[in-house]
Amino acid sequence: MSDARKRLGPVLRRGEQLRWVGHPDPTVRFAPADVFLVPFSLLWGGFAIFWEWQVLTNSESLLFALWGIPFVLVGLYFIVGRFIYKKRRKLRTVYGLTDSRAIVSTSERSFDDTPVKDVAVRVNRSRDNRHATVVFGGGGRQAVYLNTGMDFFAFGQAQGIGFFDVADPEALLRELDRVR
């Protein structure tokens, strides 16, 4: 945790105290939205691969063969790539809770923050209570893509930020209650 505190130190404001620091658990692979995304990705990818196979084996049309390639690539990302991306991002991510802000750092130079007071906060616990997700701000419809590896589908629109798949969430929730 000292590396996490060290990374977040430069973005602390004068007089601001870091109350909690944590990481997402990279072993948690699925998000609630995956109930929809996994079957959808299998259908998309399966159809795209079937289409491309049919075109390559039964058609002489170069246009149709080229047309299917982007759909196959997107399907492969939906099925496998997003989980690889999500795990790599989780391994680099650090969360921090101060007396006034929630801070998410996904690299040494990338920091997002949001106030924690007077902001809607949604807390979801895993069924076994070993993990929790805390999302700050409403985020709108785009928030469904948070923590799925499909975040880019929000097209730069505000999504809110969150602490995802935090292991042993009691300390986080205790500090969150104190600062709110």
N, C-alpha and C. Protein backbone atom coordinates (compact mmCIF):
# COMPACT_ATOMS: atom_id res chain seq x y z
N MET A 1 0.81 -1.20 0.00
CA MET A 1 0.00 0.00 0.00
C MET A 1 0.85 1.27 0.00
N SER A 2 2.12 1.16 0.41
CA SER A 2 2.95 2.36 0.43
C SER A 2 3.18 2.88 -0.98
N ASP A 3 3.28 1.98 -1.98
CA ASP A 3 3.41 2.43 -3.37
C ASP A 3 2.16 3.18 -3.81
N ALA A 4 0.99 2.71 -3.38
CA ALA A 4 -0.26 3.38 -3.72
C ALA A 4 -0.31 4.76 -3.08
N ARG A 5 0.06 4.85 -1.82
CA ARG A 5 0.09 6.15 -1.13
C ARG A 5 1.08 7.10 -1.81
N LYS A 6 2.20 6.55 -2.23
CA LYS A 6 3.23 7.35 -2.90
C LYS A 6 2.70 7.88 -4.23
N ARG A 7 1.96 7.04 -4.97
CA ARG A 7 1.43 7.47 -6.26
C ARG A 7 0.37 8.56 -6.09
N LEU A 8 -0.45 8.45 -5.05
CA LEU A 8 -1.53 9.42 -4.86
C LEU A 8 -1.06 10.70 -4.17
N GLY A 9 0.08 10.65 -3.51
CA GLY A 9 0.58 11.81 -2.77
C GLY A 9 0.63 13.10 -3.56
N PRO A 10 1.17 13.10 -4.79
CA PRO A 10 1.28 14.35 -5.55
C PRO A 10 -0.05 15.02 -5.90
N VAL A 11 -1.15 14.30 -5.89
CA VAL A 11 -2.42 14.92 -6.26
C VAL A 11 -3.23 15.38 -5.06
N LEU A 12 -2.70 15.15 -3.86
CA LEU A 12 -3.41 15.62 -2.67
C LEU A 12 -3.31 17.14 -2.57
N ARG A 13 -4.41 17.75 -2.17
CA ARG A 13 -4.45 19.20 -2.01
C ARG A 13 -3.92 19.57 -0.62
N ARG A 14 -3.60 20.84 -0.46
CA ARG A 14 -3.08 21.32 0.81
C ARG A 14 -4.08 21.01 1.94
N GLY A 15 -3.62 20.33 2.95
CA GLY A 15 -4.45 20.02 4.11
C GLY A 15 -5.33 18.78 3.93
N GLU A 16 -5.33 18.20 2.74
CA GLU A 16 -6.16 17.02 2.47
C GLU A 16 -5.48 15.76 3.01
N GLN A 17 -6.25 14.91 3.65
CA GLN A 17 -5.71 13.68 4.22
C GLN A 17 -6.21 12.47 3.46
N LEU A 18 -5.30 11.57 3.18
CA LEU A 18 -5.64 10.30 2.54
C LEU A 18 -6.14 9.37 3.63
N ARG A 19 -7.44 9.02 3.57
CA ARG A 19 -8.07 8.23 4.64
C ARG A 19 -8.05 6.73 4.35
N TRP A 20 -8.09 6.37 3.06
CA TRP A 20 -8.12 4.95 2.68
C TRP A 20 -7.46 4.81 1.31
N VAL A 21 -6.71 3.73 1.13
CA VAL A 21 -6.07 3.41 -0.15
C VAL A 21 -6.33 1.94 -0.44
N GLY A 22 -6.62 1.63 -1.71
CA GLY A 22 -6.86 0.25 -2.07
C GLY A 22 -6.68 0.00 -3.55
N HIS A 23 -6.95 -1.23 -3.94
CA HIS A 23 -6.81 -1.69 -5.32
C HIS A 23 -8.03 -2.52 -5.68
N PRO A 24 -8.34 -2.64 -6.97
CA PRO A 24 -9.35 -3.61 -7.39
C PRO A 24 -8.74 -5.01 -7.34
N ASP A 25 -9.56 -5.99 -7.11
CA ASP A 25 -9.10 -7.38 -7.10
C ASP A 25 -9.09 -7.89 -8.54
N PRO A 26 -7.90 -8.16 -9.11
CA PRO A 26 -7.83 -8.58 -10.51
C PRO A 26 -8.37 -9.99 -10.76
N THR A 27 -8.65 -10.75 -9.70
CA THR A 27 -9.19 -12.09 -9.90
C THR A 27 -10.70 -12.07 -10.14
N VAL A 28 -11.34 -10.94 -9.87
CA VAL A 28 -12.78 -10.83 -10.14
C VAL A 28 -12.92 -10.48 -11.62
N ARG A 29 -13.50 -11.39 -12.37
CA ARG A 29 -13.55 -11.22 -13.83
C ARG A 29 -14.85 -10.63 -14.35
N PHE A 30 -15.95 -10.95 -13.69
CA PHE A 30 -17.25 -10.57 -14.23
C PHE A 30 -17.87 -9.42 -13.45
N ALA A 31 -18.57 -8.57 -14.18
CA ALA A 31 -19.35 -7.47 -13.62
C ALA A 31 -20.83 -7.82 -13.82
N PRO A 32 -21.72 -7.15 -13.09
CA PRO A 32 -23.15 -7.44 -13.27
C PRO A 32 -23.62 -7.32 -14.73
N ALA A 33 -23.06 -6.38 -15.48
CA ALA A 33 -23.48 -6.20 -16.88
C ALA A 33 -23.12 -7.39 -17.76
N ASP A 34 -22.23 -8.26 -17.29
CA ASP A 34 -21.83 -9.42 -18.08
C ASP A 34 -22.96 -10.43 -18.25
N VAL A 35 -24.00 -10.33 -17.44
CA VAL A 35 -25.18 -11.17 -17.63
C VAL A 35 -25.74 -10.95 -19.03
N PHE A 36 -25.66 -9.73 -19.52
CA PHE A 36 -26.08 -9.40 -20.87
C PHE A 36 -24.91 -9.49 -21.87
N LEU A 37 -23.74 -8.99 -21.46
CA LEU A 37 -22.63 -8.86 -22.40
C LEU A 37 -22.04 -10.20 -22.85
N VAL A 38 -21.98 -11.20 -21.98
CA VAL A 38 -21.40 -12.48 -22.38
C VAL A 38 -22.24 -13.16 -23.46
N PRO A 39 -23.56 -13.34 -23.26
CA PRO A 39 -24.33 -13.94 -24.35
C PRO A 39 -24.31 -13.10 -25.63
N PHE A 40 -24.39 -11.78 -25.48
CA PHE A 40 -24.35 -10.91 -26.65
C PHE A 40 -23.04 -11.06 -27.40
N SER A 41 -21.93 -11.11 -26.67
CA SER A 41 -20.64 -11.22 -27.33
C SER A 41 -20.48 -12.56 -28.04
N LEU A 42 -21.02 -13.62 -27.45
CA LEU A 42 -20.96 -14.92 -28.10
C LEU A 42 -21.79 -14.95 -29.38
N LEU A 43 -22.97 -14.33 -29.33
CA LEU A 43 -23.80 -14.24 -30.53
C LEU A 43 -23.12 -13.40 -31.62
N TRP A 44 -22.65 -12.23 -31.22
CA TRP A 44 -21.98 -11.34 -32.18
C TRP A 44 -20.78 -12.03 -32.80
N GLY A 45 -19.88 -12.51 -31.95
CA GLY A 45 -18.65 -13.14 -32.43
C GLY A 45 -18.93 -14.38 -33.25
N GLY A 46 -19.87 -15.20 -32.78
CA GLY A 46 -20.20 -16.42 -33.52
C GLY A 46 -20.75 -16.11 -34.90
N PHE A 47 -21.66 -15.15 -34.98
CA PHE A 47 -22.20 -14.79 -36.28
C PHE A 47 -21.13 -14.20 -37.19
N ALA A 48 -20.28 -13.32 -36.63
CA ALA A 48 -19.24 -12.69 -37.45
C ALA A 48 -18.25 -13.72 -37.99
N ILE A 49 -17.88 -14.68 -37.16
CA ILE A 49 -16.95 -15.72 -37.61
C ILE A 49 -17.62 -16.62 -38.65
N PHE A 50 -18.88 -16.97 -38.42
CA PHE A 50 -19.64 -17.77 -39.38
C PHE A 50 -19.72 -17.03 -40.72
N TRP A 51 -20.07 -15.73 -40.68
CA TRP A 51 -20.16 -14.92 -41.89
C TRP A 51 -18.83 -14.94 -42.64
N GLU A 52 -17.76 -14.67 -41.93
CA GLU A 52 -16.45 -14.60 -42.57
C GLU A 52 -16.05 -15.95 -43.15
N TRP A 53 -16.31 -17.02 -42.43
CA TRP A 53 -16.00 -18.36 -42.93
C TRP A 53 -16.78 -18.66 -44.22
N GLN A 54 -18.06 -18.34 -44.21
CA GLN A 54 -18.90 -18.57 -45.39
C GLN A 54 -18.39 -17.77 -46.59
N VAL A 55 -18.06 -16.53 -46.37
CA VAL A 55 -17.58 -15.67 -47.46
C VAL A 55 -16.25 -16.20 -48.00
N LEU A 56 -15.35 -16.59 -47.10
CA LEU A 56 -14.03 -17.05 -47.55
C LEU A 56 -14.10 -18.39 -48.28
N THR A 57 -15.05 -19.24 -47.90
CA THR A 57 -15.11 -20.56 -48.54
C THR A 57 -16.08 -20.63 -49.71
N ASN A 58 -17.05 -19.73 -49.79
CA ASN A 58 -18.09 -19.86 -50.82
C ASN A 58 -18.22 -18.65 -51.74
N SER A 59 -17.41 -17.64 -51.55
CA SER A 59 -17.60 -16.43 -52.35
C SER A 59 -16.26 -15.98 -52.92
N GLU A 60 -16.35 -15.32 -54.02
CA GLU A 60 -15.15 -14.75 -54.62
C GLU A 60 -15.10 -13.24 -54.41
N SER A 61 -16.02 -12.74 -53.64
CA SER A 61 -16.11 -11.30 -53.42
C SER A 61 -15.10 -10.83 -52.36
N LEU A 62 -14.14 -10.06 -52.78
CA LEU A 62 -13.16 -9.49 -51.87
C LEU A 62 -13.82 -8.48 -50.93
N LEU A 63 -14.82 -7.75 -51.45
CA LEU A 63 -15.52 -6.76 -50.64
C LEU A 63 -16.19 -7.42 -49.44
N PHE A 64 -16.89 -8.52 -49.65
CA PHE A 64 -17.55 -9.21 -48.54
C PHE A 64 -16.54 -9.76 -47.54
N ALA A 65 -15.42 -10.26 -48.04
CA ALA A 65 -14.38 -10.79 -47.15
C ALA A 65 -13.80 -9.67 -46.29
N LEU A 66 -13.53 -8.53 -46.90
CA LEU A 66 -12.99 -7.40 -46.14
C LEU A 66 -14.03 -6.80 -45.20
N TRP A 67 -15.29 -6.80 -45.64
CA TRP A 67 -16.37 -6.25 -44.83
C TRP A 67 -16.51 -6.98 -43.50
N GLY A 68 -16.30 -8.26 -43.47
CA GLY A 68 -16.49 -9.04 -42.25
C GLY A 68 -15.37 -8.96 -41.24
N ILE A 69 -14.18 -8.58 -41.69
CA ILE A 69 -13.02 -8.56 -40.79
C ILE A 69 -13.22 -7.67 -39.57
N PRO A 70 -13.67 -6.42 -39.70
CA PRO A 70 -13.86 -5.60 -38.49
C PRO A 70 -14.88 -6.22 -37.52
N PHE A 71 -15.90 -6.86 -38.05
CA PHE A 71 -16.90 -7.48 -37.17
C PHE A 71 -16.32 -8.67 -36.41
N VAL A 72 -15.44 -9.42 -37.07
CA VAL A 72 -14.75 -10.53 -36.39
C VAL A 72 -13.84 -9.98 -35.29
N LEU A 73 -13.09 -8.93 -35.60
CA LEU A 73 -12.19 -8.35 -34.61
C LEU A 73 -12.95 -7.80 -33.40
N VAL A 74 -14.05 -7.11 -33.64
CA VAL A 74 -14.88 -6.60 -32.53
C VAL A 74 -15.43 -7.77 -31.72
N GLY A 75 -15.87 -8.81 -32.40
CA GLY A 75 -16.39 -9.99 -31.71
C GLY A 75 -15.34 -10.64 -30.83
N LEU A 76 -14.12 -10.75 -31.33
CA LEU A 76 -13.04 -11.33 -30.53
C LEU A 76 -12.72 -10.46 -29.32
N TYR A 77 -12.78 -9.14 -29.49
CA TYR A 77 -12.57 -8.25 -28.34
C TYR A 77 -13.69 -8.44 -27.33
N PHE A 78 -14.95 -8.49 -27.80
CA PHE A 78 -16.09 -8.71 -26.90
C PHE A 78 -15.92 -10.00 -26.10
N ILE A 79 -15.50 -11.07 -26.77
CA ILE A 79 -15.44 -12.39 -26.14
C ILE A 79 -14.23 -12.53 -25.22
N VAL A 80 -13.06 -12.10 -25.67
CA VAL A 80 -11.82 -12.36 -24.93
C VAL A 80 -11.07 -11.09 -24.56
N GLY A 81 -10.91 -10.20 -25.51
CA GLY A 81 -10.04 -9.05 -25.33
C GLY A 81 -10.41 -8.15 -24.18
N ARG A 82 -11.68 -7.94 -23.95
CA ARG A 82 -12.08 -7.03 -22.88
C ARG A 82 -11.69 -7.55 -21.51
N PHE A 83 -11.65 -8.88 -21.36
CA PHE A 83 -11.24 -9.44 -20.07
C PHE A 83 -9.74 -9.27 -19.86
N ILE A 84 -8.96 -9.37 -20.92
CA ILE A 84 -7.52 -9.13 -20.83
C ILE A 84 -7.27 -7.67 -20.49
N TYR A 85 -7.95 -6.77 -21.21
CA TYR A 85 -7.82 -5.34 -20.96
C TYR A 85 -8.21 -5.00 -19.52
N LYS A 86 -9.33 -5.55 -19.07
CA LYS A 86 -9.83 -5.27 -17.73
C LYS A 86 -8.83 -5.73 -16.65
N LYS A 87 -8.26 -6.91 -16.81
CA LYS A 87 -7.31 -7.41 -15.82
C LYS A 87 -6.05 -6.54 -15.80
N ARG A 88 -5.54 -6.19 -16.97
CA ARG A 88 -4.34 -5.33 -17.02
C ARG A 88 -4.60 -3.98 -16.37
N ARG A 89 -5.78 -3.42 -16.62
CA ARG A 89 -6.13 -2.13 -16.01
C ARG A 89 -6.22 -2.27 -14.50
N LYS A 90 -6.83 -3.36 -14.02
CA LYS A 90 -6.95 -3.56 -12.58
C LYS A 90 -5.59 -3.69 -11.90
N LEU A 91 -4.65 -4.33 -12.56
CA LEU A 91 -3.32 -4.50 -11.97
C LEU A 91 -2.59 -3.17 -11.82
N ARG A 92 -2.95 -2.16 -12.61
CA ARG A 92 -2.30 -0.85 -12.54
C ARG A 92 -3.08 0.17 -11.70
N THR A 93 -4.32 -0.13 -11.33
CA THR A 93 -5.20 0.86 -10.72
C THR A 93 -5.01 0.96 -9.21
N VAL A 94 -5.08 2.20 -8.74
CA VAL A 94 -5.01 2.50 -7.31
C VAL A 94 -6.20 3.40 -6.97
N TYR A 95 -6.85 3.12 -5.85
CA TYR A 95 -7.96 3.93 -5.37
C TYR A 95 -7.54 4.66 -4.10
N GLY A 96 -8.03 5.89 -3.97
CA GLY A 96 -7.77 6.65 -2.76
C GLY A 96 -9.01 7.41 -2.33
N LEU A 97 -9.24 7.44 -1.03
CA LEU A 97 -10.35 8.20 -0.46
C LEU A 97 -9.77 9.21 0.51
N THR A 98 -10.02 10.49 0.25
CA THR A 98 -9.55 11.53 1.15
C THR A 98 -10.74 12.03 1.96
N ASP A 99 -10.51 13.05 2.76
CA ASP A 99 -11.60 13.61 3.53
C ASP A 99 -12.58 14.40 2.67
N SER A 100 -12.27 14.58 1.36
CA SER A 100 -13.20 15.31 0.49
C SER A 100 -13.38 14.72 -0.91
N ARG A 101 -12.48 13.82 -1.34
CA ARG A 101 -12.54 13.32 -2.71
C ARG A 101 -12.30 11.82 -2.79
N ALA A 102 -12.81 11.24 -3.87
CA ALA A 102 -12.44 9.88 -4.27
C ALA A 102 -11.51 10.04 -5.46
N ILE A 103 -10.37 9.34 -5.43
CA ILE A 103 -9.36 9.46 -6.48
C ILE A 103 -9.11 8.08 -7.08
N VAL A 104 -9.08 8.02 -8.41
CA VAL A 104 -8.76 6.79 -9.12
C VAL A 104 -7.56 7.09 -10.01
N SER A 105 -6.52 6.27 -9.86
CA SER A 105 -5.32 6.41 -10.69
C SER A 105 -5.13 5.12 -11.45
N THR A 106 -5.14 5.22 -12.78
CA THR A 106 -4.93 4.03 -13.62
C THR A 106 -3.51 3.94 -14.16
N SER A 107 -2.69 4.94 -13.87
CA SER A 107 -1.28 4.92 -14.24
C SER A 107 -0.58 6.00 -13.43
N GLU A 108 0.72 6.11 -13.61
CA GLU A 108 1.49 7.13 -12.88
C GLU A 108 1.05 8.55 -13.23
N ARG A 109 0.47 8.75 -14.40
CA ARG A 109 0.09 10.10 -14.84
C ARG A 109 -1.41 10.28 -15.03
N SER A 110 -2.20 9.28 -14.72
CA SER A 110 -3.64 9.37 -14.95
C SER A 110 -4.39 9.36 -13.62
N PHE A 111 -5.09 10.47 -13.35
CA PHE A 111 -5.85 10.60 -12.12
C PHE A 111 -7.22 11.18 -12.43
N ASP A 112 -8.25 10.54 -11.90
CA ASP A 112 -9.60 11.07 -11.96
C ASP A 112 -10.07 11.22 -10.52
N ASP A 113 -10.86 12.24 -10.28
CA ASP A 113 -11.38 12.41 -8.94
C ASP A 113 -12.79 12.97 -8.98
N THR A 114 -13.46 12.85 -7.85
CA THR A 114 -14.81 13.40 -7.71
C THR A 114 -15.03 13.70 -6.24
N PRO A 115 -15.82 14.70 -5.95
CA PRO A 115 -16.14 14.96 -4.54
C PRO A 115 -16.94 13.79 -3.95
N VAL A 116 -16.82 13.59 -2.66
CA VAL A 116 -17.59 12.51 -2.02
C VAL A 116 -18.75 13.04 -1.20
N LYS A 117 -18.73 14.33 -0.91
CA LYS A 117 -19.83 14.92 -0.13
C LYS A 117 -20.89 15.45 -1.09
N ASP A 118 -22.13 15.25 -0.75
CA ASP A 118 -23.27 15.72 -1.56
C ASP A 118 -23.28 15.14 -2.97
N VAL A 119 -22.77 13.93 -3.12
CA VAL A 119 -22.77 13.23 -4.41
C VAL A 119 -23.45 11.88 -4.19
N ALA A 120 -24.26 11.49 -5.15
CA ALA A 120 -24.89 10.16 -5.04
C ALA A 120 -23.81 9.09 -5.03
N VAL A 121 -23.95 8.13 -4.13
CA VAL A 121 -23.00 7.03 -4.02
C VAL A 121 -23.80 5.73 -4.04
N ARG A 122 -23.36 4.82 -4.91
CA ARG A 122 -24.01 3.51 -5.00
C ARG A 122 -23.01 2.44 -4.56
N VAL A 123 -23.41 1.65 -3.57
CA VAL A 123 -22.55 0.59 -3.04
C VAL A 123 -23.19 -0.75 -3.38
N ASN A 124 -22.42 -1.62 -4.02
CA ASN A 124 -22.88 -2.98 -4.32
C ASN A 124 -21.88 -3.95 -3.71
N ARG A 125 -22.39 -4.88 -2.94
CA ARG A 125 -21.54 -5.91 -2.35
C ARG A 125 -21.70 -7.21 -3.14
N SER A 126 -20.65 -8.00 -3.16
CA SER A 126 -20.74 -9.31 -3.78
C SER A 126 -21.60 -10.21 -2.88
N ARG A 127 -22.08 -11.29 -3.44
CA ARG A 127 -22.94 -12.19 -2.67
C ARG A 127 -22.27 -12.72 -1.42
N ASP A 128 -20.96 -12.96 -1.49
CA ASP A 128 -20.24 -13.49 -0.34
C ASP A 128 -19.69 -12.38 0.58
N ASN A 129 -19.98 -11.12 0.27
CA ASN A 129 -19.54 -9.95 1.05
C ASN A 129 -18.03 -9.79 1.10
N ARG A 130 -17.30 -10.45 0.21
CA ARG A 130 -15.84 -10.32 0.21
C ARG A 130 -15.36 -9.18 -0.68
N HIS A 131 -16.24 -8.65 -1.52
CA HIS A 131 -15.89 -7.55 -2.42
C HIS A 131 -17.02 -6.53 -2.43
N ALA A 132 -16.64 -5.29 -2.72
CA ALA A 132 -17.65 -4.24 -2.87
C ALA A 132 -17.23 -3.34 -4.02
N THR A 133 -18.23 -2.75 -4.64
CA THR A 133 -18.04 -1.75 -5.67
C THR A 133 -18.76 -0.49 -5.20
N VAL A 134 -18.06 0.64 -5.28
CA VAL A 134 -18.63 1.93 -4.90
C VAL A 134 -18.54 2.84 -6.11
N VAL A 135 -19.68 3.32 -6.59
CA VAL A 135 -19.71 4.22 -7.75
C VAL A 135 -20.18 5.59 -7.26
N PHE A 136 -19.41 6.61 -7.59
CA PHE A 136 -19.70 7.98 -7.18
C PHE A 136 -20.35 8.72 -8.33
N GLY A 137 -21.45 9.40 -8.07
CA GLY A 137 -22.15 10.13 -9.12
C GLY A 137 -23.09 9.21 -9.86
N GLY A 138 -24.06 9.81 -10.53
CA GLY A 138 -25.06 9.02 -11.24
C GLY A 138 -24.50 8.27 -12.43
N GLY A 139 -23.83 8.99 -13.31
CA GLY A 139 -23.21 8.34 -14.46
C GLY A 139 -24.15 8.08 -15.62
N GLY A 140 -25.45 8.10 -15.40
CA GLY A 140 -26.38 7.88 -16.49
C GLY A 140 -26.31 6.48 -17.07
N ARG A 141 -26.84 6.34 -18.28
CA ARG A 141 -26.85 5.03 -18.94
C ARG A 141 -25.45 4.52 -19.25
N GLN A 142 -24.50 5.44 -19.44
CA GLN A 142 -23.14 5.02 -19.79
C GLN A 142 -22.47 4.27 -18.64
N ALA A 143 -22.93 4.47 -17.41
CA ALA A 143 -22.30 3.83 -16.25
C ALA A 143 -22.39 2.31 -16.32
N VAL A 144 -23.30 1.77 -17.11
CA VAL A 144 -23.41 0.32 -17.23
C VAL A 144 -22.12 -0.29 -17.79
N TYR A 145 -21.34 0.48 -18.54
CA TYR A 145 -20.12 -0.04 -19.15
C TYR A 145 -18.92 0.01 -18.20
N LEU A 146 -19.05 0.71 -17.08
CA LEU A 146 -17.95 0.78 -16.14
C LEU A 146 -17.59 -0.63 -15.67
N ASN A 147 -16.31 -0.91 -15.62
CA ASN A 147 -15.77 -2.17 -15.11
C ASN A 147 -16.13 -3.37 -15.98
N THR A 148 -16.37 -3.17 -17.26
CA THR A 148 -16.67 -4.30 -18.15
C THR A 148 -15.61 -4.49 -19.22
N GLY A 149 -14.68 -3.55 -19.33
CA GLY A 149 -13.73 -3.58 -20.44
C GLY A 149 -14.31 -2.94 -21.68
N MET A 150 -15.53 -2.41 -21.57
CA MET A 150 -16.22 -1.79 -22.70
C MET A 150 -16.44 -0.29 -22.44
N ASP A 151 -15.64 0.28 -21.56
CA ASP A 151 -15.82 1.66 -21.13
C ASP A 151 -15.84 2.65 -22.29
N PHE A 152 -15.10 2.34 -23.35
CA PHE A 152 -14.99 3.27 -24.48
C PHE A 152 -16.32 3.47 -25.19
N PHE A 153 -17.32 2.62 -24.95
CA PHE A 153 -18.62 2.81 -25.60
C PHE A 153 -19.38 4.01 -25.06
N ALA A 154 -18.89 4.61 -23.99
CA ALA A 154 -19.52 5.82 -23.48
C ALA A 154 -19.12 7.04 -24.31
N PHE A 155 -18.18 6.85 -25.25
CA PHE A 155 -17.78 7.90 -26.20
C PHE A 155 -17.44 9.22 -25.52
N GLY A 156 -16.66 9.17 -24.43
CA GLY A 156 -16.20 10.38 -23.77
C GLY A 156 -17.23 11.07 -22.91
N GLN A 157 -18.41 10.52 -22.79
CA GLN A 157 -19.43 11.13 -21.94
C GLN A 157 -19.13 10.81 -20.49
N ALA A 158 -19.54 11.69 -19.60
CA ALA A 158 -19.30 11.51 -18.18
C ALA A 158 -19.95 10.21 -17.71
N GLN A 159 -19.18 9.39 -17.03
CA GLN A 159 -19.67 8.11 -16.55
C GLN A 159 -19.71 8.04 -15.04
N GLY A 160 -19.09 8.97 -14.37
CA GLY A 160 -18.87 8.84 -12.95
C GLY A 160 -17.63 7.99 -12.76
N ILE A 161 -17.13 7.91 -11.54
CA ILE A 161 -15.99 7.05 -11.27
C ILE A 161 -16.36 6.10 -10.16
N GLY A 162 -15.58 5.05 -10.02
CA GLY A 162 -15.89 4.08 -8.99
C GLY A 162 -14.68 3.32 -8.52
N PHE A 163 -14.85 2.70 -7.37
CA PHE A 163 -13.89 1.75 -6.82
C PHE A 163 -14.51 0.38 -7.06
N PHE A 164 -13.92 -0.42 -7.93
CA PHE A 164 -14.52 -1.67 -8.35
C PHE A 164 -13.83 -2.87 -7.73
N ASP A 165 -14.64 -3.83 -7.31
CA ASP A 165 -14.16 -5.14 -6.84
C ASP A 165 -13.10 -5.00 -5.76
N VAL A 166 -13.38 -4.15 -4.77
CA VAL A 166 -12.46 -3.94 -3.66
C VAL A 166 -12.59 -5.12 -2.70
N ALA A 167 -11.45 -5.79 -2.46
CA ALA A 167 -11.44 -6.92 -1.53
C ALA A 167 -11.47 -6.39 -0.10
N ASP A 168 -12.12 -7.11 0.79
CA ASP A 168 -12.25 -6.72 2.20
C ASP A 168 -12.74 -5.27 2.30
N PRO A 169 -13.96 -5.03 1.93
CA PRO A 169 -14.45 -3.65 1.79
C PRO A 169 -14.80 -2.93 3.09
N GLU A 170 -14.71 -3.60 4.22
CA GLU A 170 -15.16 -2.98 5.47
C GLU A 170 -14.42 -1.67 5.77
N ALA A 171 -13.10 -1.64 5.59
CA ALA A 171 -12.34 -0.42 5.88
C ALA A 171 -12.76 0.72 4.94
N LEU A 172 -12.96 0.41 3.67
CA LEU A 172 -13.41 1.43 2.71
C LEU A 172 -14.76 1.98 3.12
N LEU A 173 -15.72 1.12 3.40
CA LEU A 173 -17.07 1.59 3.73
C LEU A 173 -17.09 2.35 5.04
N ARG A 174 -16.28 1.96 5.99
CA ARG A 174 -16.19 2.67 7.27
C ARG A 174 -15.67 4.09 7.03
N GLU A 175 -14.60 4.23 6.26
CA GLU A 175 -14.05 5.55 5.97
C GLU A 175 -14.99 6.39 5.11
N LEU A 176 -15.68 5.76 4.18
CA LEU A 176 -16.65 6.47 3.35
C LEU A 176 -17.77 7.05 4.22
N ASP A 177 -18.25 6.28 5.18
CA ASP A 177 -19.28 6.78 6.10
C ASP A 177 -18.75 7.97 6.91
N ARG A 178 -17.50 7.93 7.30
CA ARG A 178 -16.92 9.02 8.10
C ARG A 178 -16.81 10.31 7.31
N VAL A 179 -16.39 10.24 6.05
CA VAL A 179 -16.18 11.47 5.28
C VAL A 179 -17.46 12.03 4.68
N ARG A 180 -18.49 11.24 4.60
CA ARG A 180 -19.74 11.73 4.00
C ARG A 180 -20.56 12.40 5.06
